[in-house]
Amino acid sequence: MTQQQVWVKCRAEIFYTQGDYVVEDDFEVRMNGQTLEVYTMGGPKNLVGFKGASQGQTGHYRLKGVFGGSATLHLAPEEKTLEGSWEEHGLQGMWRIHLQRPDADGERQ
């Protein structure tokens, strides 16, 4: 059994095809073997953004949105950044999520 990895306070760069760009610092990412979950707004007890599974290739994930929509994310070996595309509620774009954990002082590593 693969142990779950959790990254908190991840920074997400969200690009919209309409031209907007947003940075959010409250993402939580959970990876457990072949599954990947992306949480926003405080973790798994609140809003789950997207959840899905590996597509058979190491680091390639296809996700479904909790309120509809879909996404892809890729994590290259030895990297700490997920990158992919998303669509939800008639909007679409690309996203990049930097995996990081706060250190003992609460600063980003």
Protein backbone atom coordinates (compact mmCIF):
# COMPACT_ATOMS: atom_id res chain seq x y z
CA MET A 1 0.00 0.00 0.00
CA THR A 2 1.32 3.42 -0.97
CA GLN A 3 1.41 6.02 1.77
CA GLN A 4 -0.58 9.17 1.14
CA GLN A 5 1.42 12.32 0.49
CA VAL A 6 -0.13 15.65 1.43
CA TRP A 7 0.98 19.14 0.43
CA VAL A 8 -0.68 22.11 2.14
CA LYS A 9 -0.76 25.83 1.35
CA CYS A 10 0.20 25.16 -2.25
CA ARG A 11 0.35 28.09 -4.64
CA ALA A 12 -1.78 27.68 -7.76
CA GLU A 13 -1.39 29.81 -10.86
CA ILE A 14 -4.65 29.67 -12.82
CA PHE A 15 -4.78 30.89 -16.40
CA TYR A 16 -8.08 31.48 -18.21
CA THR A 17 -8.38 31.32 -22.00
CA GLN A 18 -10.35 34.55 -21.71
CA GLY A 19 -7.12 36.26 -20.61
CA ASP A 20 -7.43 36.40 -16.81
CA TYR A 21 -4.71 35.15 -14.47
CA VAL A 22 -5.19 34.35 -10.77
CA VAL A 23 -2.80 33.23 -8.02
CA GLU A 24 -4.25 31.37 -5.03
CA ASP A 25 -2.32 30.17 -1.99
CA ASP A 26 -4.84 27.87 -0.31
CA PHE A 27 -4.64 24.67 -2.34
CA GLU A 28 -4.11 21.29 -0.72
CA VAL A 29 -2.99 18.32 -2.82
CA ARG A 30 -3.29 14.67 -1.76
CA MET A 31 -1.65 11.87 -3.68
CA ASN A 32 -2.14 8.23 -2.74
CA GLY A 33 -0.74 5.75 -5.22
CA GLN A 34 -2.82 6.17 -8.35
CA THR A 35 -5.22 8.82 -7.02
CA LEU A 36 -4.86 12.59 -6.92
CA GLU A 37 -7.13 15.06 -5.12
CA VAL A 38 -6.95 18.85 -5.29
CA TYR A 39 -8.69 20.67 -2.44
CA THR A 40 -9.34 24.37 -2.05
CA MET A 41 -10.68 26.54 0.77
CA GLY A 42 -9.41 24.64 3.76
CA GLY A 43 -8.97 21.00 2.88
CA PRO A 44 -11.05 17.86 2.58
CA LYS A 45 -13.77 18.89 5.05
CA ASN A 46 -14.65 21.85 2.86
CA LEU A 47 -14.60 22.14 -0.93
CA VAL A 48 -13.01 19.49 -3.12
CA GLY A 49 -12.03 20.98 -6.43
CA PHE A 50 -11.01 17.95 -8.51
CA LYS A 51 -10.41 14.26 -7.86
CA GLY A 52 -9.14 11.54 -10.19
CA ALA A 53 -6.72 8.78 -11.04
CA SER A 54 -3.54 8.08 -12.91
CA GLN A 55 -3.91 7.30 -16.59
CA GLY A 56 -1.39 4.45 -16.54
CA GLN A 57 1.58 6.68 -17.28
CA THR A 58 3.63 7.84 -14.35
CA GLY A 59 2.57 11.32 -13.34
CA HIS A 60 -0.41 11.73 -15.73
CA TYR A 61 -3.79 12.28 -14.04
CA ARG A 62 -7.32 12.81 -15.38
CA LEU A 63 -9.63 14.50 -12.86
CA LYS A 64 -13.35 15.21 -12.48
CA GLY A 65 -14.65 18.35 -10.78
CA VAL A 66 -16.95 18.02 -7.79
CA PHE A 67 -19.36 20.51 -9.41
CA GLY A 68 -18.82 19.28 -12.96
CA GLY A 69 -15.95 19.96 -15.27
CA SER A 70 -12.76 18.06 -15.84
CA ALA A 71 -9.01 18.58 -15.69
CA THR A 72 -5.66 17.04 -16.37
CA LEU A 73 -2.49 17.35 -14.33
CA HIS A 74 1.02 16.07 -14.94
CA LEU A 75 3.86 15.70 -12.44
CA ALA A 76 7.25 15.01 -13.99
CA PRO A 77 9.61 12.75 -12.03
CA GLU A 78 11.63 14.62 -9.40
CA GLU A 79 9.57 17.80 -9.91
CA LYS A 80 7.47 19.71 -7.39
CA THR A 81 4.99 21.34 -9.79
CA LEU A 82 1.78 19.90 -11.25
CA GLU A 83 0.77 21.36 -14.63
CA GLY A 84 -2.25 20.81 -16.83
CA SER A 85 -5.53 22.06 -18.20
CA TRP A 86 -9.06 22.46 -16.81
CA GLU A 87 -12.63 23.27 -17.84
CA GLU A 88 -15.56 24.06 -15.59
CA HIS A 89 -18.86 25.98 -15.96
CA GLY A 90 -18.10 27.07 -19.52
CA LEU A 91 -14.64 28.38 -18.61
CA GLN A 92 -11.34 26.76 -19.47
CA GLY A 93 -7.64 27.29 -19.12
CA MET A 94 -4.35 25.99 -17.80
CA TRP A 95 -3.09 25.65 -14.25
CA ARG A 96 0.12 25.12 -12.37
CA ILE A 97 0.19 24.00 -8.74
CA HIS A 98 3.45 24.33 -6.82
CA LEU A 99 3.69 21.58 -4.19
CA GLN A 100 5.06 22.98 -0.98
CA ARG A 101 4.69 22.44 2.73
CA PRO A 102 5.00 25.08 5.41
CA ASP A 103 8.05 24.71 7.64
CA ALA A 104 7.93 24.99 11.43
CA ASP A 105 7.72 28.79 11.22
CA GLY A 106 4.88 28.75 8.74
CA GLU A 107 7.12 29.98 5.90
CA ARG A 108 7.07 28.29 2.51
CA GLN A 109 9.80 25.84 1.65
